[in-house]
Each structure stands twice: as C-alpha cells, then as structure tokens.
Amino acid sequence: MLRRCARWCLALGLLLVVASPSVLAKGGPPGRLTVDFIAVGQGDAALITSPAGKTVLIDGGPHESEADLVAFLRRRHTGPIDLVLLTHRHADHLGGLAAVVRSIGARMFMDATFPHPSPAYAELLETLQAAHVSVRNAERGRTVDLGGGAILTLLGPPEPAITGSRSDVNANSVVTRLDFGRVGFLFAGDAEAKTEDWLLRAGVPLRAQVLKVAHHGSRYSSTARFLRAVRPSLAVISVGARNDYGHPAERTIEALGRLPAQVLRTDQDGTITVESDGAHLDVRTTSGNREILAAP
C-alpha cells in the first residue's frame, strides 16, 4: 500500500509540475518516443522525449562538455526540461547539470540518494535552489507517467544500500527502465556487478531492447548473467575517446559480442538517437549510420 501511494503521489506531483509539456522542436515526430544518448565525452547524458512531448534528462555529463550539452538540448527543445534525474553523484554524470538548469531550466530534479559530497554537487544544489526547482529523492519503485504510453520506472537504487563494494557510489546508482509499447530501455548508470546481482535477486523486469551499458563499459559490470537477463537488441556505451580509464574494457566488448546485439559507442558513433513507435527501433547516429530494428 505504501509503495502504491508513493507511486501515485509522484505521478500526481509530476502532473502538477509539468502540466504544460516542453514544446517539441526536433526531438521526433508526434506519437513516437525518442531517446538521445548524447555524446558528452567521458560521461553520461541521455534525453528522453515522450510521445506527449514531456522530457527527461538522465545525467548531465562532465563539466567540460556542458556547452555542447546545452547546445544540443536547445536544438531539441524550447522550454525547461520536465524532469532531470541524477543516477549518482560523480562529476562525470552531474558536471553539466548546473549549466542546464541555468541556461534551459528544469521543472523537477530527482536526486540520487547515496552521499558523495563535492564542490560540483554543492554548486548543483545551489543552482537548483536559486532556480526554485522542486527536488525529490530517487527511490526504488517510483514510476512516472510521461504521457502517450511511455512509463519511466525506478528499479533502484538498491534497498538496503550496497556497502563495502569497490565503489559504493557506483554500486548504488539509480537504475531506470523506460517502457513504450513492446519496447523497453534500461539505463544502468554506473552500476557494478554487485548492483546487477541485486537486481537479479530482486526479480525486477530487466528484459529490454535497448541497454545503456553500465559504467561506460568498464570491467566492473556487464556480467554475463545480467546481460543474458536483459538480452538487448541494441547496447549503447557512453564513453570518451582515448579516455584514461581504458573504457570500454575488452572483456565487456567480448561479453556484448556474445549477444545478438548491435553495439554502438558515443566515442565512435557520436550521439545515438533511437526513435520508436512501440514496435520498432529507428536508430541513427551523428556518424551517419541508420538501422531499423524490430522489437520481439
């Protein structure tokens, strides 16, 4: 009952806050879902535009890419982002969000709950407060109706929080899924192997046609058992060219290669745009590739 109430309250709150959706500029044709995996260097940023025109920005890349991120969002939409969601408080995921709030605006911010203080995070909180943006905690089980049949569901952060891992901040990433018709997207943040094990034990729905690969394709996630559960048709790695971390790891590329999935990378393919009518995926990249995939 409490979980149903939490979901209902969030949906009601979001409807009150975003009753007037952002004006769709070039995000995609009406009645279709669009997800842009934005090339922001060594970091993550994904923009969801629902069939109803509501917008969700998951993460904001590093500070160094904030100008490119803001320019991309301005090309896609006019008006504030309806919901900004932070998967965890590392700089390569939140670095551009303060600039987004200042330059474009946001109606609601959903914050990762696992603590990780930093000057960049403090600046983001100050910017949100100055802009009078509503702030809520990202809690497992919350759902957001984005309109037009698109539903965003928070599968994590883990409960109870994972501790004693290689990186507790990464391991407690907010993992989300987006459903529209027969098509599902899974956004894994910087989840670690322990996060993937927790998701598998929790029995949450993991099967998805599109997977945003965890932690830039690092060797600390994308376990074989987890990938078999997701079984994506398209795997997207958000990663910077010639980065200092060796991302994506060879073992992750090999694991993805054992799946019947197309693998795209922002360092090689640029921004990756996926449009869907609920039954098919129309995949385009700024490098010029395009493919139509059918959802099983």
Protein backbone atom coordinates (compact mmCIF):
# COMPACT_ATOMS: atom_id res chain seq x y z
CA MET A 1 0.00 0.00 0.00
CA LEU A 2 2.81 2.40 0.89
CA ARG A 3 4.58 1.73 -2.42
CA ARG A 4 1.36 2.27 -4.38
CA CYS A 5 0.85 5.53 -2.51
CA ALA A 6 4.41 6.66 -3.23
CA ARG A 7 3.95 5.97 -6.94
CA TRP A 8 0.60 7.73 -7.06
CA CYS A 9 1.89 10.74 -5.16
CA LEU A 10 4.86 11.11 -7.51
CA ALA A 11 2.67 10.84 -10.59
CA LEU A 12 0.29 13.46 -9.19
CA GLY A 13 3.16 15.75 -8.28
CA LEU A 14 4.72 15.46 -11.71
CA LEU A 15 1.42 16.18 -13.41
CA LEU A 16 1.04 19.32 -11.31
CA VAL A 17 4.57 20.45 -12.08
CA VAL A 18 4.67 19.60 -15.77
CA ALA A 19 1.11 20.11 -16.84
CA SER A 20 2.46 22.11 -19.79
CA PRO A 21 4.98 19.88 -21.57
CA SER A 22 8.05 21.26 -23.29
CA VAL A 23 7.46 22.40 -26.85
CA LEU A 24 8.85 19.71 -29.15
CA ALA A 25 11.30 21.15 -31.65
CA LYS A 26 13.29 18.39 -33.33
CA GLY A 27 13.03 15.59 -30.76
CA GLY A 28 10.98 13.37 -33.08
CA PRO A 29 7.56 13.15 -34.73
CA PRO A 30 4.45 13.30 -32.55
CA GLY A 31 3.30 9.92 -31.22
CA ARG A 32 6.81 8.47 -31.16
CA LEU A 33 9.27 8.06 -28.33
CA THR A 34 12.75 9.48 -28.79
CA VAL A 35 15.85 8.77 -26.72
CA ASP A 36 19.10 10.60 -27.43
CA PHE A 37 22.28 9.15 -25.96
CA ILE A 38 24.27 12.36 -26.13
CA ALA A 39 27.98 12.37 -26.88
CA VAL A 40 29.40 14.21 -23.86
CA GLY A 41 32.89 12.71 -23.76
CA GLN A 42 33.77 10.59 -20.73
CA GLY A 43 30.39 10.73 -19.04
CA ASP A 44 26.70 10.02 -19.41
CA ALA A 45 23.74 12.07 -20.61
CA ALA A 46 20.51 10.76 -22.15
CA LEU A 47 17.45 12.77 -23.18
CA ILE A 48 14.04 11.13 -23.29
CA THR A 49 11.23 12.81 -25.23
CA SER A 50 7.90 11.08 -24.72
CA PRO A 51 5.18 10.82 -27.38
CA ALA A 52 3.37 13.54 -25.41
CA GLY A 53 6.40 15.84 -25.59
CA LYS A 54 7.49 15.51 -21.96
CA THR A 55 11.23 15.46 -21.41
CA VAL A 56 13.55 13.63 -19.02
CA LEU A 57 17.30 14.21 -18.85
CA ILE A 58 19.17 11.33 -17.19
CA ASP A 59 22.57 12.69 -16.06
CA GLY A 60 24.44 15.65 -17.48
CA GLY A 61 27.93 14.53 -18.42
CA PRO A 62 31.15 16.19 -17.19
CA HIS A 63 31.69 19.91 -16.71
CA GLU A 64 33.94 20.02 -19.77
CA SER A 65 31.03 19.11 -22.06
CA GLU A 66 28.39 21.39 -20.57
CA ALA A 67 28.41 23.85 -23.51
CA ASP A 68 27.87 21.03 -26.02
CA LEU A 69 25.13 19.52 -23.86
CA VAL A 70 23.26 22.82 -23.52
CA ALA A 71 23.57 23.46 -27.27
CA PHE A 72 22.18 20.01 -28.04
CA LEU A 73 19.22 20.43 -25.70
CA ARG A 74 18.42 23.84 -27.20
CA ARG A 75 18.37 22.30 -30.67
CA ARG A 76 15.94 19.64 -29.49
CA HIS A 77 13.51 21.66 -27.38
CA THR A 78 12.34 25.03 -26.19
CA GLY A 79 11.30 25.42 -22.59
CA PRO A 80 12.58 23.76 -19.42
CA ILE A 81 13.35 20.06 -19.06
CA ASP A 82 10.40 18.45 -17.26
CA LEU A 83 12.45 16.05 -15.13
CA VAL A 84 16.20 15.88 -14.52
CA LEU A 85 17.32 12.58 -12.96
CA LEU A 86 20.77 12.05 -11.45
CA THR A 87 21.86 8.41 -11.28
CA HIS A 88 24.72 9.06 -8.83
CA ARG A 89 26.80 11.98 -7.64
CA HIS A 90 30.01 11.56 -9.62
CA ALA A 91 31.26 14.55 -11.62
CA ASP A 92 31.10 12.80 -15.00
CA HIS A 93 27.33 12.45 -14.54
CA LEU A 94 26.40 15.74 -12.83
CA GLY A 95 29.03 18.15 -14.15
CA GLY A 96 26.82 19.72 -16.82
CA LEU A 97 23.54 19.83 -14.89
CA ALA A 98 24.04 23.21 -13.22
CA ALA A 99 24.58 24.79 -16.65
CA VAL A 100 21.44 23.05 -17.95
CA VAL A 101 19.36 24.42 -15.08
CA ARG A 102 20.75 27.93 -15.52
CA SER A 103 20.52 28.01 -19.33
CA ILE A 104 17.45 25.91 -20.12
CA GLY A 105 15.64 25.33 -16.85
CA ALA A 106 14.11 22.33 -15.14
CA ARG A 107 10.75 21.72 -13.54
CA MET A 108 11.77 18.87 -11.25
CA PHE A 109 15.05 17.32 -10.11
CA MET A 110 15.26 13.76 -8.83
CA ASP A 111 18.40 13.23 -6.78
CA ALA A 112 20.46 10.09 -6.24
CA THR A 113 20.36 9.37 -2.52
CA PHE A 114 23.77 7.80 -1.86
CA PRO A 115 26.05 10.52 -0.41
CA HIS A 116 29.13 11.79 -2.22
CA PRO A 117 29.93 15.43 -1.39
CA SER A 118 31.89 17.52 -3.88
CA PRO A 119 32.12 21.17 -4.99
CA ALA A 120 30.32 20.29 -8.23
CA TYR A 121 27.41 18.70 -6.34
CA ALA A 122 27.21 21.67 -3.95
CA GLU A 123 27.07 24.03 -6.93
CA LEU A 124 24.27 21.98 -8.46
CA LEU A 125 22.20 22.15 -5.26
CA GLU A 126 22.74 25.91 -5.01
CA THR A 127 21.68 26.32 -8.65
CA LEU A 128 18.53 24.26 -8.14
CA GLN A 129 17.62 26.29 -5.06
CA ALA A 130 18.20 29.60 -6.82
CA ALA A 131 16.03 28.47 -9.74
CA HIS A 132 13.26 27.23 -7.38
CA VAL A 133 13.36 23.73 -8.86
CA SER A 134 11.42 21.07 -6.97
CA VAL A 135 13.82 18.42 -5.61
CA ARG A 136 12.84 14.84 -4.75
CA ASN A 137 14.78 11.72 -3.85
CA ALA A 138 15.08 8.91 -6.36
CA GLU A 139 13.50 5.92 -4.63
CA ARG A 140 13.09 2.39 -5.85
CA GLY A 141 9.61 1.60 -7.16
CA ARG A 142 8.64 5.11 -8.20
CA THR A 143 7.01 5.39 -11.60
CA VAL A 144 6.46 8.46 -13.75
CA ASP A 145 3.82 8.61 -16.49
CA LEU A 146 5.42 10.59 -19.32
CA GLY A 147 2.30 10.57 -21.45
CA GLY A 148 1.47 8.85 -24.72
CA GLY A 149 2.01 5.42 -23.19
CA ALA A 150 5.61 5.98 -22.02
CA ILE A 151 6.33 4.96 -18.42
CA LEU A 152 9.58 5.55 -16.51
CA THR A 153 10.24 3.19 -13.57
CA LEU A 154 12.98 3.40 -10.97
CA LEU A 155 14.34 -0.12 -10.41
CA GLY A 156 16.98 1.15 -7.98
CA PRO A 157 18.84 2.41 -6.01
CA PRO A 158 19.31 -0.84 -4.10
CA GLU A 159 17.49 -1.32 -0.81
CA PRO A 160 19.25 -1.58 1.55
CA ALA A 161 22.20 0.34 0.12
CA ILE A 162 25.17 -1.71 -1.03
CA THR A 163 28.24 -1.13 1.16
CA GLY A 164 31.78 -2.47 1.13
CA SER A 165 31.94 -2.67 -2.66
CA ARG A 166 34.72 -1.43 -4.93
CA SER A 167 32.75 1.83 -5.33
CA ASP A 168 29.64 2.22 -3.20
CA VAL A 169 28.67 5.39 -5.09
CA ASN A 170 28.60 3.48 -8.38
CA ALA A 171 27.04 0.37 -6.84
CA ASN A 172 24.09 2.43 -5.58
CA SER A 173 23.35 4.04 -8.94
CA VAL A 174 19.74 4.73 -9.80
CA VAL A 175 18.83 2.15 -12.45
CA THR A 176 15.77 3.05 -14.50
CA ARG A 177 13.71 1.46 -17.24
CA LEU A 178 11.52 3.13 -19.83
CA ASP A 179 8.63 1.25 -21.42
CA PHE A 180 6.66 2.16 -24.51
CA GLY A 181 4.55 -0.47 -26.24
CA ARG A 182 6.70 -3.57 -26.80
CA VAL A 183 9.91 -1.58 -26.46
CA GLY A 184 11.93 -1.25 -23.26
CA PHE A 185 15.04 0.78 -22.44
CA LEU A 186 17.30 0.04 -19.46
CA PHE A 187 19.55 2.81 -18.13
CA ALA A 188 22.16 1.21 -15.86
CA GLY A 189 24.03 4.29 -14.64
CA ASP A 190 27.42 3.20 -13.29
CA ALA A 191 26.03 0.03 -11.72
CA GLU A 192 28.59 -2.54 -10.61
CA ALA A 193 28.47 -6.33 -10.62
CA LYS A 194 27.01 -6.24 -7.09
CA THR A 195 24.22 -3.97 -8.35
CA GLU A 196 23.47 -6.36 -11.18
CA ASP A 197 23.34 -9.28 -8.73
CA TRP A 198 20.95 -7.32 -6.53
CA LEU A 199 18.69 -6.52 -9.49
CA LEU A 200 18.61 -10.18 -10.49
CA ARG A 201 17.75 -11.26 -6.94
CA ALA A 202 15.10 -8.54 -6.63
CA GLY A 203 13.24 -10.01 -9.60
CA VAL A 204 12.67 -6.65 -11.28
CA PRO A 205 11.90 -6.63 -15.03
CA LEU A 206 15.23 -6.43 -16.84
CA ARG A 207 14.40 -7.58 -20.37
CA ALA A 208 14.87 -4.57 -22.63
CA GLN A 209 15.50 -3.94 -26.30
CA VAL A 210 17.94 -1.09 -25.58
CA LEU A 211 20.59 -1.16 -22.85
CA LYS A 212 22.64 1.83 -21.79
CA VAL A 213 25.67 -0.22 -20.78
CA ALA A 214 26.76 0.31 -17.18
CA HIS A 215 29.78 2.40 -16.23
CA HIS A 216 30.99 3.26 -19.72
CA GLY A 217 31.63 -0.41 -20.43
CA SER A 218 34.05 -0.89 -17.54
CA ARG A 219 35.21 -4.32 -16.42
CA TYR A 220 33.40 -3.94 -13.10
CA SER A 221 29.91 -4.54 -14.52
CA SER A 222 28.10 -6.13 -17.50
CA THR A 223 28.27 -9.65 -16.08
CA ALA A 224 27.25 -12.47 -18.40
CA ARG A 225 24.25 -13.41 -16.25
CA PHE A 226 22.96 -9.83 -16.23
CA LEU A 227 23.39 -9.39 -19.98
CA ARG A 228 21.54 -12.65 -20.62
CA ALA A 229 18.64 -11.35 -18.50
CA VAL A 230 18.46 -8.07 -20.43
CA ARG A 231 19.05 -9.60 -23.90
CA PRO A 232 19.20 -6.24 -25.69
CA SER A 233 18.92 -5.74 -29.40
CA LEU A 234 20.96 -2.55 -29.06
CA ALA A 235 23.68 -1.84 -26.49
CA VAL A 236 24.87 1.77 -26.15
CA ILE A 237 28.18 2.64 -24.49
CA SER A 238 28.57 6.27 -23.45
CA VAL A 239 32.32 6.82 -23.35
CA GLY A 240 35.02 9.35 -24.17
CA ALA A 241 37.59 8.83 -26.89
CA ARG A 242 41.05 7.81 -25.65
CA ASN A 243 39.95 8.10 -22.02
CA ASP A 244 42.30 7.46 -19.11
CA TYR A 245 40.30 4.51 -17.74
CA GLY A 246 40.58 2.10 -20.64
CA HIS A 247 36.81 2.17 -21.18
CA PRO A 248 35.24 0.17 -22.61
CA ALA A 249 37.04 -2.88 -21.28
CA GLU A 250 37.87 -5.65 -23.72
CA ARG A 251 36.05 -8.19 -21.54
CA THR A 252 32.88 -6.09 -21.75
CA ILE A 253 33.12 -5.81 -25.53
CA GLU A 254 33.60 -9.58 -25.70
CA ALA A 255 30.61 -10.19 -23.40
CA LEU A 256 28.42 -7.93 -25.54
CA GLY A 257 29.72 -9.69 -28.64
CA ARG A 258 28.28 -12.95 -27.37
CA LEU A 259 24.81 -11.40 -27.50
CA PRO A 260 22.73 -10.94 -30.64
CA ALA A 261 23.01 -7.18 -30.11
CA GLN A 262 24.25 -4.23 -32.11
CA VAL A 263 26.83 -2.26 -30.09
CA LEU A 264 27.19 1.49 -30.59
CA ARG A 265 29.60 3.84 -28.80
CA THR A 266 29.43 7.61 -28.44
CA ASP A 267 33.21 7.90 -28.91
CA GLN A 268 32.93 6.28 -32.35
CA ASP A 269 29.34 6.94 -33.43
CA GLY A 270 28.65 10.31 -31.81
CA THR A 271 25.20 11.00 -30.42
CA ILE A 272 22.96 7.97 -30.84
CA THR A 273 19.25 8.67 -31.40
CA VAL A 274 16.62 5.96 -31.02
CA GLU A 275 13.03 6.61 -32.11
CA SER A 276 10.26 4.11 -31.53
CA ASP A 277 6.62 3.63 -32.40
CA GLY A 278 6.35 0.99 -29.66
CA ALA A 279 7.11 -1.89 -32.02
CA HIS A 280 10.28 -0.87 -33.91
CA LEU A 281 13.50 0.97 -33.21
CA ASP A 282 14.79 3.54 -35.69
CA VAL A 283 18.46 4.02 -34.75
CA ARG A 284 20.51 6.92 -36.11
CA THR A 285 23.94 8.27 -35.24
CA THR A 286 25.70 11.52 -35.98
CA SER A 287 28.34 9.47 -37.79
CA GLY A 288 25.68 8.71 -40.40
CA ASN A 289 24.64 5.13 -39.58
CA ARG A 290 20.99 4.15 -39.54
CA GLU A 291 19.20 0.87 -38.82
CA ILE A 292 15.62 -0.28 -38.20
CA LEU A 293 15.24 -2.96 -35.53
CA ALA A 294 12.00 -4.84 -34.73
CA ALA A 295 11.06 -5.35 -31.09
CA PRO A 296 10.39 -9.02 -30.30
